[in-house]
Amino acid sequence: VVVVVVVVVVIVVPVIAVFVLLPLPTPPSATILSTTSNVVGTNDNEKEDPSSSPLTCSSIHISAKIQKLYLSGCGISSQRNGIQNLISIIKECPNIEILDLRYNDLQIVKSSKHRPNHDDQNDLDDDDNDDRDNLGSFFRVHVPQSNITILHLEGNNIDDNVAAAIGDALSNPATGLTELYLGSNKIRSNGAKAIACGLKSNSTSALSKLYMEGNFIGDDGVEEFCILLEEGKKNKTTRTTTREISPVTEEEEEQKEYDDDSSSGVALEKLWVENNGVGKEMMKRLAQALQSDSVIGGF
């Protein structure tokens, strides 16, 4: 009995104490979250119909440390208050740098079959207008307030109205986008012009890559980008020439270098406009404006 007691006191008790007192290891916080395909969230019992699984912070276990969020094909537009829920997620995740919203039909208005609790068609119309207002607010207000640098919006049926909101976002000096993907949408020349005007009005724009392939912007839309790039190039050349013939102080030199780096249109280095009904001559002009030999053909 004495031996058993000694063994318990000397061996068993210390072992138990170690397990009780030592903290359990904490798993590292995820910085990448993907809810792509037709299932929103991470629970095993979730259904495949995205409209039955609302996109909310709790449904996808949001963490403030997330830096990359992939929500392609989640049916955001088919959910009631889907855009508003998306805005809430952006607010909850201030560290997101890459946001993938491909194939969510963000421009399609929901039909009554997705809203069984509404019998009045006027109520449905009001909700649809709210969704459109929220979509504009997402681009005009929340994208500039975020840390998003890469934004995927391919295949969302985005039209000129939404493109105008994107242009407003790009005109905001607070917007930190460096890459914007707008391929396979419904943007026409007016939408392209709105985006180009947004870039033109923002001398500190960091956008260097813009993908607009598979839209309907035509020659008129591409010409606006050509003008943007040509004016930026001309302004930079003029400043360089003035500097060579005018003596400046060291402080003025530093300011001019800053102005050169932030001149309108200079940041945009790559622009993809294939399959937009653009003629060959306009494509050649764009290639010259981009100082690139990789822009070929005209379709």
C-alpha atoms as a PDB file:
ATOM      1  CA  VAL A   1       0.000   0.000   0.000  1.00  0.00           C
ATOM      2  CA  VAL A   2       2.842   2.331   0.910  1.00  0.00           C
ATOM      3  CA  VAL A   3       4.546   1.601  -2.416  1.00  0.00           C
ATOM      4  CA  VAL A   4       1.365   2.331  -4.365  1.00  0.00           C
ATOM      5  CA  VAL A   5       0.860   5.628  -2.531  1.00  0.00           C
ATOM      6  CA  VAL A   6       4.468   6.643  -3.215  1.00  0.00           C
ATOM      7  CA  VAL A   7       4.112   5.835  -6.933  1.00  0.00           C
ATOM      8  CA  VAL A   8       0.897   7.861  -7.164  1.00  0.00           C
ATOM      9  CA  VAL A   9       2.380  10.850  -5.363  1.00  0.00           C
ATOM     10  CA  VAL A  10       5.738  10.812  -7.133  1.00  0.00           C
ATOM     11  CA  ILE A  11       4.684   9.931 -10.716  1.00  0.00           C
ATOM     12  CA  VAL A  12       0.966  10.239 -11.394  1.00  0.00           C
ATOM     13  CA  VAL A  13       0.286  13.551  -9.633  1.00  0.00           C
ATOM     14  CA  PRO A  14       3.097  15.482 -11.400  1.00  0.00           C
ATOM     15  CA  VAL A  15       1.978  14.145 -14.770  1.00  0.00           C
ATOM     16  CA  ILE A  16      -1.607  15.253 -14.167  1.00  0.00           C
ATOM     17  CA  ALA A  17      -0.373  18.639 -12.967  1.00  0.00           C
ATOM     18  CA  VAL A  18       1.588  19.152 -16.170  1.00  0.00           C
ATOM     19  CA  PHE A  19      -1.445  18.519 -18.369  1.00  0.00           C
ATOM     20  CA  VAL A  20      -3.678  20.746 -16.229  1.00  0.00           C
ATOM     21  CA  LEU A  21      -1.336  23.691 -15.814  1.00  0.00           C
ATOM     22  CA  LEU A  22       0.274  23.866 -19.242  1.00  0.00           C
ATOM     23  CA  PRO A  23      -1.827  25.852 -21.761  1.00  0.00           C
ATOM     24  CA  LEU A  24      -3.066  24.010 -24.812  1.00  0.00           C
ATOM     25  CA  PRO A  25      -1.359  25.029 -28.064  1.00  0.00           C
ATOM     26  CA  THR A  26      -3.319  27.638 -30.005  1.00  0.00           C
ATOM     27  CA  PRO A  27      -3.742  26.885 -33.713  1.00  0.00           C
ATOM     28  CA  PRO A  28      -2.436  29.633 -35.986  1.00  0.00           C
ATOM     29  CA  SER A  29      -5.057  32.066 -37.271  1.00  0.00           C
ATOM     30  CA  ALA A  30      -5.924  31.545 -40.923  1.00  0.00           C
ATOM     31  CA  THR A  31      -4.998  34.369 -43.273  1.00  0.00           C
ATOM     32  CA  ILE A  32      -6.603  32.747 -46.328  1.00  0.00           C
ATOM     33  CA  LEU A  33     -10.274  31.793 -46.511  1.00  0.00           C
ATOM     34  CA  SER A  34     -11.898  30.216 -49.528  1.00  0.00           C
ATOM     35  CA  THR A  35     -15.610  29.512 -49.867  1.00  0.00           C
ATOM     36  CA  THR A  36     -15.629  29.048 -53.619  1.00  0.00           C
ATOM     37  CA  SER A  37     -18.049  26.760 -55.479  1.00  0.00           C
ATOM     38  CA  ASN A  38     -21.692  26.491 -54.508  1.00  0.00           C
ATOM     39  CA  VAL A  39     -21.223  25.946 -50.789  1.00  0.00           C
ATOM     40  CA  VAL A  40     -20.972  28.979 -48.544  1.00  0.00           C
ATOM     41  CA  GLY A  41     -19.235  28.348 -45.241  1.00  0.00           C
ATOM     42  CA  THR A  42     -17.373  25.473 -43.641  1.00  0.00           C
ATOM     43  CA  ASN A  43     -20.013  23.408 -41.876  1.00  0.00           C
ATOM     44  CA  ASP A  44     -20.586  19.860 -43.067  1.00  0.00           C
ATOM     45  CA  ASN A  45     -24.364  20.167 -42.994  1.00  0.00           C
ATOM     46  CA  GLU A  46     -24.604  23.191 -45.300  1.00  0.00           C
ATOM     47  CA  LYS A  47     -26.692  22.879 -48.428  1.00  0.00           C
ATOM     48  CA  GLU A  48     -25.432  23.394 -51.942  1.00  0.00           C
ATOM     49  CA  ASP A  49     -27.987  26.075 -52.750  1.00  0.00           C
ATOM     50  CA  PRO A  50     -26.176  29.344 -52.025  1.00  0.00           C
ATOM     51  CA  SER A  51     -29.435  31.223 -51.502  1.00  0.00           C
ATOM     52  CA  SER A  52     -30.216  28.938 -48.554  1.00  0.00           C
ATOM     53  CA  SER A  53     -26.890  29.729 -46.874  1.00  0.00           C
ATOM     54  CA  PRO A  54     -26.733  33.496 -46.330  1.00  0.00           C
ATOM     55  CA  LEU A  55     -23.312  35.042 -46.670  1.00  0.00           C
ATOM     56  CA  THR A  56     -22.610  36.393 -43.197  1.00  0.00           C
ATOM     57  CA  CYS A  57     -19.634  36.771 -40.909  1.00  0.00           C
ATOM     58  CA  SER A  58     -20.763  33.816 -38.791  1.00  0.00           C
ATOM     59  CA  SER A  59     -21.537  31.546 -41.749  1.00  0.00           C
ATOM     60  CA  ILE A  60     -17.947  31.585 -43.012  1.00  0.00           C
ATOM     61  CA  HIS A  61     -16.194  31.924 -39.647  1.00  0.00           C
ATOM     62  CA  ILE A  62     -14.650  35.288 -40.416  1.00  0.00           C
ATOM     63  CA  SER A  63     -11.369  36.238 -38.792  1.00  0.00           C
ATOM     64  CA  ALA A  64     -10.055  39.790 -38.674  1.00  0.00           C
ATOM     65  CA  LYS A  65      -6.633  38.459 -39.684  1.00  0.00           C
ATOM     66  CA  ILE A  66      -7.795  37.182 -43.075  1.00  0.00           C
ATOM     67  CA  GLN A  67      -5.737  38.653 -45.914  1.00  0.00           C
ATOM     68  CA  LYS A  68      -7.129  36.679 -48.873  1.00  0.00           C
ATOM     69  CA  LEU A  69     -10.859  36.049 -49.244  1.00  0.00           C
ATOM     70  CA  TYR A  70     -12.203  33.933 -52.124  1.00  0.00           C
ATOM     71  CA  LEU A  71     -15.976  34.122 -52.573  1.00  0.00           C
ATOM     72  CA  SER A  72     -16.352  33.234 -56.256  1.00  0.00           C
ATOM     73  CA  GLY A  73     -19.603  31.547 -57.231  1.00  0.00           C
ATOM     74  CA  CYS A  74     -21.233  32.004 -53.817  1.00  0.00           C
ATOM     75  CA  GLY A  75     -24.515  33.359 -55.159  1.00  0.00           C
ATOM     76  CA  ILE A  76     -24.247  36.696 -53.387  1.00  0.00           C
ATOM     77  CA  SER A  77     -26.845  38.290 -55.666  1.00  0.00           C
ATOM     78  CA  SER A  78     -29.364  35.509 -55.002  1.00  0.00           C
ATOM     79  CA  GLN A  79     -29.315  36.149 -51.266  1.00  0.00           C
ATOM     80  CA  ARG A  80     -31.470  38.653 -49.519  1.00  0.00           C
ATOM     81  CA  ASN A  81     -29.199  41.506 -48.347  1.00  0.00           C
ATOM     82  CA  GLY A  82     -26.280  39.710 -49.966  1.00  0.00           C
ATOM     83  CA  ILE A  83     -24.392  42.917 -50.832  1.00  0.00           C
ATOM     84  CA  GLN A  84     -24.989  44.349 -47.377  1.00  0.00           C
ATOM     85  CA  ASN A  85     -23.633  41.159 -45.831  1.00  0.00           C
ATOM     86  CA  LEU A  86     -20.580  41.441 -48.072  1.00  0.00           C
ATOM     87  CA  ILE A  87     -20.020  44.996 -46.829  1.00  0.00           C
ATOM     88  CA  SER A  88     -20.257  43.754 -43.247  1.00  0.00           C
ATOM     89  CA  ILE A  89     -17.582  41.153 -43.956  1.00  0.00           C
ATOM     90  CA  ILE A  90     -15.277  43.783 -45.457  1.00  0.00           C
ATOM     91  CA  LYS A  91     -15.696  45.870 -42.322  1.00  0.00           C
ATOM     92  CA  GLU A  92     -14.963  42.898 -40.084  1.00  0.00           C
ATOM     93  CA  CYS A  93     -11.818  42.023 -42.051  1.00  0.00           C
ATOM     94  CA  PRO A  94      -9.746  45.204 -42.431  1.00  0.00           C
ATOM     95  CA  ASN A  95      -6.649  43.241 -43.453  1.00  0.00           C
ATOM     96  CA  ILE A  96      -8.081  41.759 -46.661  1.00  0.00           C
ATOM     97  CA  GLU A  97      -5.711  42.463 -49.564  1.00  0.00           C
ATOM     98  CA  ILE A  98      -7.071  40.018 -52.176  1.00  0.00           C
ATOM     99  CA  LEU A  99     -10.840  39.742 -52.695  1.00  0.00           C
ATOM    100  CA  ASP A 100     -12.264  37.324 -55.266  1.00  0.00           C
ATOM    101  CA  LEU A 101     -15.933  37.931 -56.163  1.00  0.00           C
ATOM    102  CA  ARG A 102     -16.034  36.227 -59.556  1.00  0.00           C
ATOM    103  CA  TYR A 103     -19.282  34.780 -60.923  1.00  0.00           C
ATOM    104  CA  ASN A 104     -21.703  36.199 -58.360  1.00  0.00           C
ATOM    105  CA  ASP A 105     -23.955  38.012 -60.873  1.00  0.00           C
ATOM    106  CA  LEU A 106     -23.645  41.191 -58.846  1.00  0.00           C
ATOM    107  CA  GLN A 107     -25.694  43.162 -61.349  1.00  0.00           C
ATOM    108  CA  ILE A 108     -28.640  40.730 -61.563  1.00  0.00           C
ATOM    109  CA  VAL A 109     -31.672  41.759 -59.523  1.00  0.00           C
ATOM    110  CA  LYS A 110     -33.205  39.012 -57.432  1.00  0.00           C
ATOM    111  CA  SER A 111     -36.637  37.671 -58.258  1.00  0.00           C
ATOM    112  CA  SER A 112     -39.471  36.997 -55.826  1.00  0.00           C
ATOM    113  CA  LYS A 113     -38.728  33.270 -55.674  1.00  0.00           C
ATOM    114  CA  HIS A 114     -35.682  34.032 -53.531  1.00  0.00           C
ATOM    115  CA  ARG A 115     -37.757  36.036 -51.074  1.00  0.00           C
ATOM    116  CA  PRO A 116     -40.614  33.886 -49.803  1.00  0.00           C
ATOM    117  CA  ASN A 117     -41.363  36.260 -46.905  1.00  0.00           C
ATOM    118  CA  HIS A 118     -42.391  39.140 -49.233  1.00  0.00           C
ATOM    119  CA  ASP A 119     -45.837  39.079 -50.797  1.00  0.00           C
ATOM    120  CA  ASP A 120     -45.953  42.720 -51.935  1.00  0.00           C
ATOM    121  CA  GLN A 121     -44.193  43.376 -55.251  1.00  0.00           C
ATOM    122  CA  ASN A 122     -43.506  46.959 -54.151  1.00  0.00           C
ATOM    123  CA  ASP A 123     -41.539  45.630 -51.204  1.00  0.00           C
ATOM    124  CA  LEU A 124     -39.544  43.473 -53.590  1.00  0.00           C
ATOM    125  CA  ASP A 125     -38.768  46.457 -55.790  1.00  0.00           C
ATOM    126  CA  ASP A 126     -37.642  48.468 -52.767  1.00  0.00           C
ATOM    127  CA  ASP A 127     -35.322  45.663 -51.696  1.00  0.00           C
ATOM    128  CA  ASP A 128     -33.878  45.429 -55.216  1.00  0.00           C
ATOM    129  CA  ASN A 129     -33.161  49.160 -55.191  1.00  0.00           C
ATOM    130  CA  ASP A 130     -31.493  48.769 -51.807  1.00  0.00           C
ATOM    131  CA  ASP A 131     -29.257  46.064 -53.259  1.00  0.00           C
ATOM    132  CA  ARG A 132     -28.256  48.314 -56.161  1.00  0.00           C
ATOM    133  CA  ASP A 133     -27.567  51.210 -53.765  1.00  0.00           C
ATOM    134  CA  ASN A 134     -25.491  48.906 -51.583  1.00  0.00           C
ATOM    135  CA  LEU A 135     -23.504  47.735 -54.600  1.00  0.00           C
ATOM    136  CA  GLY A 136     -22.679  51.337 -55.476  1.00  0.00           C
ATOM    137  CA  SER A 137     -21.790  52.007 -51.852  1.00  0.00           C
ATOM    138  CA  PHE A 138     -19.529  48.959 -51.806  1.00  0.00           C
ATOM    139  CA  PHE A 139     -17.381  50.427 -54.587  1.00  0.00           C
ATOM    140  CA  ARG A 140     -17.644  54.140 -53.800  1.00  0.00           C
ATOM    141  CA  VAL A 141     -17.231  53.958 -50.030  1.00  0.00           C
ATOM    142  CA  HIS A 142     -16.010  50.624 -48.737  1.00  0.00           C
ATOM    143  CA  VAL A 143     -13.374  49.688 -51.315  1.00  0.00           C
ATOM    144  CA  PRO A 144     -11.498  52.984 -50.761  1.00  0.00           C
ATOM    145  CA  GLN A 145     -11.738  52.481 -46.999  1.00  0.00           C
ATOM    146  CA  SER A 146     -10.322  48.966 -47.206  1.00  0.00           C
ATOM    147  CA  ASN A 147      -6.800  47.615 -47.766  1.00  0.00           C
ATOM    148  CA  ILE A 148      -7.844  45.671 -50.877  1.00  0.00           C
ATOM    149  CA  THR A 149      -5.146  45.750 -53.560  1.00  0.00           C
ATOM    150  CA  ILE A 150      -6.372  42.963 -55.896  1.00  0.00           C
ATOM    151  CA  LEU A 151     -10.062  42.710 -56.783  1.00  0.00           C
ATOM    152  CA  HIS A 152     -11.599  40.003 -59.015  1.00  0.00           C
ATOM    153  CA  LEU A 153     -15.002  40.830 -60.526  1.00  0.00           C
ATOM    154  CA  GLU A 154     -15.058  38.651 -63.650  1.00  0.00           C
ATOM    155  CA  GLY A 155     -18.350  37.227 -64.908  1.00  0.00           C
ATOM    156  CA  ASN A 156     -20.678  39.394 -62.807  1.00  0.00           C
ATOM    157  CA  ASN A 157     -22.849  40.973 -65.532  1.00  0.00           C
ATOM    158  CA  ILE A 158     -21.440  44.358 -64.493  1.00  0.00           C
ATOM    159  CA  ASP A 159     -22.880  47.131 -66.673  1.00  0.00           C
ATOM    160  CA  ASP A 160     -22.062  50.810 -67.210  1.00  0.00           C
ATOM    161  CA  ASN A 161     -23.885  51.886 -64.025  1.00  0.00           C
ATOM    162  CA  VAL A 162     -21.717  49.674 -61.841  1.00  0.00           C
ATOM    163  CA  ALA A 163     -18.658  50.627 -63.907  1.00  0.00           C
ATOM    164  CA  ALA A 164     -19.392  54.261 -63.033  1.00  0.00           C
ATOM    165  CA  ALA A 165     -19.296  53.362 -59.336  1.00  0.00           C
ATOM    166  CA  ILE A 166     -15.973  51.580 -59.925  1.00  0.00           C
ATOM    167  CA  GLY A 167     -14.711  54.715 -61.656  1.00  0.00           C
ATOM    168  CA  ASP A 168     -15.688  56.747 -58.588  1.00  0.00           C
ATOM    169  CA  ALA A 169     -13.714  54.338 -56.410  1.00  0.00           C
ATOM    170  CA  LEU A 170     -10.658  54.687 -58.646  1.00  0.00           C
ATOM    171  CA  SER A 171     -10.911  58.485 -58.466  1.00  0.00           C
ATOM    172  CA  ASN A 172     -10.568  58.344 -54.671  1.00  0.00           C
ATOM    173  CA  PRO A 173      -6.944  58.852 -53.536  1.00  0.00           C
ATOM    174  CA  ALA A 174      -7.608  56.457 -50.651  1.00  0.00           C
ATOM    175  CA  THR A 175      -8.210  53.524 -53.032  1.00  0.00           C
ATOM    176  CA  GLY A 176      -5.215  51.191 -52.981  1.00  0.00           C
ATOM    177  CA  LEU A 177      -6.123  48.867 -55.862  1.00  0.00           C
ATOM    178  CA  THR A 178      -3.143  47.726 -57.931  1.00  0.00           C
ATOM    179  CA  GLU A 179      -4.915  45.035 -59.974  1.00  0.00           C
ATOM    180  CA  LEU A 180      -8.550  45.065 -61.138  1.00  0.00           C
ATOM    181  CA  TYR A 181     -10.174  42.203 -63.061  1.00  0.00           C
ATOM    182  CA  LEU A 182     -13.346  43.107 -64.996  1.00  0.00           C
ATOM    183  CA  GLY A 183     -13.314  40.505 -67.753  1.00  0.00           C
ATOM    184  CA  SER A 184     -16.450  38.847 -69.150  1.00  0.00           C
ATOM    185  CA  ASN A 185     -18.938  41.502 -68.072  1.00  0.00           C
ATOM    186  CA  LYS A 186     -21.309  43.873 -69.905  1.00  0.00           C
ATOM    187  CA  ILE A 187     -19.299  47.088 -69.780  1.00  0.00           C
ATOM    188  CA  ARG A 188     -19.708  49.329 -72.819  1.00  0.00           C
ATOM    189  CA  SER A 189     -17.926  52.473 -73.943  1.00  0.00           C
ATOM    190  CA  ASN A 190     -19.550  54.741 -71.334  1.00  0.00           C
ATOM    191  CA  GLY A 191     -18.504  52.421 -68.538  1.00  0.00           C
ATOM    192  CA  ALA A 192     -14.947  52.274 -69.867  1.00  0.00           C
ATOM    193  CA  LYS A 193     -14.876  56.067 -70.096  1.00  0.00           C
ATOM    194  CA  ALA A 194     -16.036  56.338 -66.476  1.00  0.00           C
ATOM    195  CA  ILE A 195     -13.211  54.068 -65.344  1.00  0.00           C
ATOM    196  CA  ALA A 196     -10.639  55.968 -67.402  1.00  0.00           C
ATOM    197  CA  CYS A 197     -11.911  59.304 -66.057  1.00  0.00           C
ATOM    198  CA  GLY A 198     -11.621  57.971 -62.517  1.00  0.00           C
ATOM    199  CA  LEU A 199      -7.977  57.098 -63.109  1.00  0.00           C
ATOM    200  CA  LYS A 200      -7.334  60.430 -64.800  1.00  0.00           C
ATOM    201  CA  SER A 201      -8.678  62.429 -61.863  1.00  0.00           C
ATOM    202  CA  ASN A 202      -6.572  60.521 -59.317  1.00  0.00           C
ATOM    203  CA  SER A 203      -2.921  61.491 -59.617  1.00  0.00           C
ATOM    204  CA  THR A 204      -1.955  59.026 -56.865  1.00  0.00           C
ATOM    205  CA  SER A 205      -3.659  55.976 -58.375  1.00  0.00           C
ATOM    206  CA  ALA A 206      -1.657  52.783 -57.842  1.00  0.00           C
ATOM    207  CA  LEU A 207      -3.580  50.714 -60.415  1.00  0.00           C
ATOM    208  CA  SER A 208      -1.019  49.081 -62.692  1.00  0.00           C
ATOM    209  CA  LYS A 209      -3.020  46.174 -64.189  1.00  0.00           C
ATOM    210  CA  LEU A 210      -6.538  46.441 -65.577  1.00  0.00           C
ATOM    211  CA  TYR A 211      -8.254  43.453 -67.200  1.00  0.00           C
ATOM    212  CA  MET A 212     -11.304  44.310 -69.340  1.00  0.00           C
ATOM    213  CA  GLU A 213     -11.297  41.511 -71.891  1.00  0.00           C
ATOM    214  CA  GLY A 214     -14.631  40.140 -73.077  1.00  0.00           C
ATOM    215  CA  ASN A 215     -16.742  43.295 -72.717  1.00  0.00           C
ATOM    216  CA  PHE A 216     -18.247  45.703 -75.277  1.00  0.00           C
ATOM    217  CA  ILE A 217     -16.137  48.847 -74.878  1.00  0.00           C
ATOM    218  CA  GLY A 218     -15.238  49.235 -78.579  1.00  0.00           C
ATOM    219  CA  ASP A 219     -12.933  51.850 -80.076  1.00  0.00           C
ATOM    220  CA  ASP A 220     -14.531  54.709 -78.126  1.00  0.00           C
ATOM    221  CA  GLY A 221     -13.827  53.080 -74.778  1.00  0.00           C
ATOM    222  CA  VAL A 222     -10.237  52.161 -75.636  1.00  0.00           C
ATOM    223  CA  GLU A 223      -9.581  55.653 -76.996  1.00  0.00           C
ATOM    224  CA  GLU A 224     -10.298  57.114 -73.567  1.00  0.00           C
ATOM    225  CA  PHE A 225      -7.538  54.970 -72.082  1.00  0.00           C
ATOM    226  CA  CYS A 226      -5.205  55.952 -74.917  1.00  0.00           C
ATOM    227  CA  ILE A 227      -5.793  59.629 -74.132  1.00  0.00           C
ATOM    228  CA  LEU A 228      -5.204  58.946 -70.444  1.00  0.00           C
ATOM    229  CA  LEU A 229      -1.896  57.210 -71.106  1.00  0.00           C
ATOM    230  CA  GLU A 230      -0.761  59.677 -73.767  1.00  0.00           C
ATOM    231  CA  GLU A 231      -1.436  62.687 -71.551  1.00  0.00           C
ATOM    232  CA  GLY A 232       0.363  61.076 -68.636  1.00  0.00           C
ATOM    233  CA  LYS A 233       3.337  60.315 -70.846  1.00  0.00           C
ATOM    234  CA  LYS A 234       3.306  63.862 -72.286  1.00  0.00           C
ATOM    235  CA  ASN A 235       3.148  65.466 -68.843  1.00  0.00           C
ATOM    236  CA  LYS A 236       6.078  63.425 -67.633  1.00  0.00           C
ATOM    237  CA  THR A 237       8.142  64.337 -70.711  1.00  0.00           C
ATOM    238  CA  THR A 238       7.344  68.045 -70.255  1.00  0.00           C
ATOM    239  CA  ARG A 239       8.453  68.002 -66.623  1.00  0.00           C
ATOM    240  CA  THR A 240      11.674  66.188 -67.511  1.00  0.00           C
ATOM    241  CA  THR A 241      12.515  68.742 -70.228  1.00  0.00           C
ATOM    242  CA  THR A 242      11.804  71.678 -67.899  1.00  0.00           C
ATOM    243  CA  ARG A 243      14.063  70.175 -65.269  1.00  0.00           C
ATOM    244  CA  GLU A 244      16.965  69.933 -67.721  1.00  0.00           C
ATOM    245  CA  ILE A 245      16.858  73.634 -68.666  1.00  0.00           C
ATOM    246  CA  SER A 246      15.941  75.090 -65.255  1.00  0.00           C
ATOM    247  CA  PRO A 247      18.242  74.844 -62.233  1.00  0.00           C
ATOM    248  CA  VAL A 248      16.412  73.591 -59.156  1.00  0.00           C
ATOM    249  CA  THR A 249      17.189  73.108 -55.504  1.00  0.00           C
ATOM    250  CA  GLU A 250      17.478  69.668 -53.910  1.00  0.00           C
ATOM    251  CA  GLU A 251      14.069  70.086 -52.279  1.00  0.00           C
ATOM    252  CA  GLU A 252      12.461  70.999 -55.601  1.00  0.00           C
ATOM    253  CA  GLU A 253      14.158  68.017 -57.228  1.00  0.00           C
ATOM    254  CA  GLU A 254      12.645  65.626 -54.680  1.00  0.00           C
ATOM    255  CA  GLN A 255       9.192  67.183 -55.202  1.00  0.00           C
ATOM    256  CA  LYS A 256       9.472  66.806 -58.990  1.00  0.00           C
ATOM    257  CA  GLU A 257      10.476  63.172 -58.633  1.00  0.00           C
ATOM    258  CA  TYR A 258       7.353  62.628 -56.528  1.00  0.00           C
ATOM    259  CA  ASP A 259       5.212  64.410 -59.115  1.00  0.00           C
ATOM    260  CA  ASP A 260       6.663  62.223 -61.880  1.00  0.00           C
ATOM    261  CA  ASP A 261       5.861  59.053 -59.976  1.00  0.00           C
ATOM    262  CA  SER A 262       2.291  60.167 -59.254  1.00  0.00           C
ATOM    263  CA  SER A 263       1.455  61.671 -62.630  1.00  0.00           C
ATOM    264  CA  SER A 264      -1.905  60.736 -64.107  1.00  0.00           C
ATOM    265  CA  GLY A 265      -1.901  57.489 -66.052  1.00  0.00           C
ATOM    266  CA  VAL A 266       1.722  56.563 -65.349  1.00  0.00           C
ATOM    267  CA  ALA A 267       0.872  53.765 -62.916  1.00  0.00           C
ATOM    268  CA  LEU A 268      -1.222  51.881 -65.500  1.00  0.00           C
ATOM    269  CA  GLU A 269       1.219  49.524 -67.219  1.00  0.00           C
ATOM    270  CA  LYS A 270      -1.001  46.690 -68.467  1.00  0.00           C
ATOM    271  CA  LEU A 271      -4.453  46.920 -70.035  1.00  0.00           C
ATOM    272  CA  TRP A 272      -6.185  43.872 -71.506  1.00  0.00           C
ATOM    273  CA  VAL A 273      -9.037  44.653 -73.940  1.00  0.00           C
ATOM    274  CA  GLU A 274      -9.262  41.555 -76.137  1.00  0.00           C
ATOM    275  CA  ASN A 275     -12.704  40.582 -77.458  1.00  0.00           C
ATOM    276  CA  ASN A 276     -14.170  44.060 -77.146  1.00  0.00           C
ATOM    277  CA  GLY A 277     -14.841  44.883 -80.787  1.00  0.00           C
ATOM    278  CA  VAL A 278     -11.734  47.068 -80.995  1.00  0.00           C
ATOM    279  CA  GLY A 279     -10.224  47.820 -84.417  1.00  0.00           C
ATOM    280  CA  LYS A 280      -6.601  47.127 -85.276  1.00  0.00           C
ATOM    281  CA  GLU A 281      -5.649  50.785 -85.563  1.00  0.00           C
ATOM    282  CA  MET A 282      -6.958  51.520 -82.092  1.00  0.00           C
ATOM    283  CA  MET A 283      -5.121  48.484 -80.730  1.00  0.00           C
ATOM    284  CA  LYS A 284      -1.911  49.819 -82.280  1.00  0.00           C
ATOM    285  CA  ARG A 285      -2.498  53.192 -80.675  1.00  0.00           C
ATOM    286  CA  LEU A 286      -3.052  51.503 -77.320  1.00  0.00           C
ATOM    287  CA  ALA A 287       0.172  49.523 -77.713  1.00  0.00           C
ATOM    288  CA  GLN A 288       2.077  52.736 -78.340  1.00  0.00           C
ATOM    289  CA  ALA A 289       0.439  54.448 -75.392  1.00  0.00           C
ATOM    290  CA  LEU A 290       1.349  51.523 -73.154  1.00  0.00           C
ATOM    291  CA  GLN A 291       4.815  51.381 -74.718  1.00  0.00           C
ATOM    292  CA  SER A 292       4.216  47.682 -75.231  1.00  0.00           C
ATOM    293  CA  ASP A 293       4.619  45.358 -78.198  1.00  0.00           C
ATOM    294  CA  SER A 294       2.409  42.703 -76.606  1.00  0.00           C
ATOM    295  CA  VAL A 295      -0.860  44.349 -77.686  1.00  0.00           C
ATOM    296  CA  ILE A 296      -1.697  42.807 -81.030  1.00  0.00           C
ATOM    297  CA  GLY A 297      -4.652  42.334 -83.331  1.00  0.00           C
ATOM    298  CA  GLY A 298      -8.054  43.909 -83.021  1.00  0.00           C
ATOM    299  CA  PHE A 299     -11.250  42.047 -82.245  1.00  0.00           C
END
